[in-house]
Amino acid sequence: MKRQKRDMYARAYKRGYLAGVSGKSKDSCPLDQQEVRQEWLNGWREGRTDHWEGMTGVSGIHKLANVTA
């Protein structure tokens, strides 16, 4: 639990990626701090790219190991 709280940038990236893959808008970013928000948007962009390329569901499961690590 403490490790997650310390590494909020990785957590923001992961949440942004998952939001992008699920097709959510970048306006749904819940973060206010500029640096953390930028990490969320970086994850969102990569997630949207994977969503557009069809990397969702079973075809994108190999990406989850990199995101959830």
Protein backbone atom coordinates (compact mmCIF):
# COMPACT_ATOMS: atom_id res chain seq x y z
CA MET A 1 0.00 0.00 0.00
CA LYS A 2 2.76 2.45 0.85
CA ARG A 3 4.57 1.70 -2.41
CA GLN A 4 1.50 2.69 -4.42
CA LYS A 5 1.19 5.96 -2.57
CA ARG A 6 4.85 6.80 -3.14
CA ASP A 7 4.78 6.10 -6.87
CA MET A 8 1.80 8.21 -7.87
CA TYR A 9 3.24 8.87 -11.34
CA ALA A 10 3.14 5.20 -12.31
CA ARG A 11 -0.33 4.89 -10.83
CA ALA A 12 -1.54 7.92 -12.81
CA TYR A 13 -0.04 6.49 -16.01
CA LYS A 14 -1.73 3.14 -15.44
CA ARG A 15 -5.11 4.72 -14.74
CA GLY A 16 -4.76 6.94 -17.80
CA TYR A 17 -3.87 3.96 -19.96
CA LEU A 18 -6.88 2.01 -18.75
CA ALA A 19 -9.12 5.03 -19.37
CA GLY A 20 -7.75 5.37 -22.91
CA VAL A 21 -8.17 1.71 -23.74
CA SER A 22 -11.76 1.79 -22.53
CA GLY A 23 -12.49 4.74 -24.84
CA LYS A 24 -12.96 7.48 -22.26
CA SER A 25 -12.32 11.12 -23.07
CA LYS A 26 -9.16 12.86 -21.88
CA ASP A 27 -11.44 15.40 -20.21
CA SER A 28 -12.27 12.70 -17.65
CA CYS A 29 -8.82 13.10 -16.03
CA PRO A 30 -9.48 13.40 -12.27
CA LEU A 31 -6.08 14.89 -11.40
CA ASP A 32 -5.19 18.51 -10.70
CA GLN A 33 -1.42 18.47 -10.14
CA GLN A 34 0.34 19.33 -13.40
CA GLU A 35 3.08 16.66 -13.31
CA VAL A 36 0.75 13.84 -12.29
CA ARG A 37 -1.86 14.99 -14.81
CA GLN A 38 0.78 14.85 -17.55
CA GLU A 39 1.58 11.23 -16.68
CA TRP A 40 -2.14 10.39 -16.79
CA LEU A 41 -2.38 12.00 -20.24
CA ASN A 42 0.70 10.09 -21.46
CA GLY A 43 -0.95 6.85 -20.40
CA TRP A 44 -4.25 7.95 -21.94
CA ARG A 45 -2.56 8.66 -25.29
CA GLU A 46 -0.93 5.24 -25.39
CA GLY A 47 -4.20 3.61 -24.34
CA ARG A 48 -6.12 5.42 -27.08
CA THR A 49 -3.54 4.34 -29.64
CA ASP A 50 -3.92 0.74 -28.53
CA HIS A 51 -7.70 1.11 -28.59
CA TRP A 52 -7.61 2.40 -32.18
CA GLU A 53 -5.27 -0.41 -33.21
CA GLY A 54 -7.64 -3.00 -31.79
CA MET A 55 -5.55 -3.95 -28.77
CA THR A 56 -8.58 -4.46 -26.56
CA GLY A 57 -9.83 -7.58 -24.87
CA VAL A 58 -7.90 -10.76 -25.59
CA SER A 59 -5.77 -9.20 -28.35
CA GLY A 60 -4.38 -6.61 -25.95
CA ILE A 61 -3.79 -8.82 -22.93
CA HIS A 62 -0.04 -8.90 -23.52
CA LYS A 63 0.04 -5.14 -22.85
CA LEU A 64 -1.51 -5.52 -19.40
CA ALA A 65 1.66 -7.04 -17.93
CA ASN A 66 3.53 -3.86 -18.79
CA VAL A 67 0.83 -1.60 -17.42
CA THR A 68 0.00 -3.41 -14.20
CA ALA A 69 3.62 -4.15 -13.21
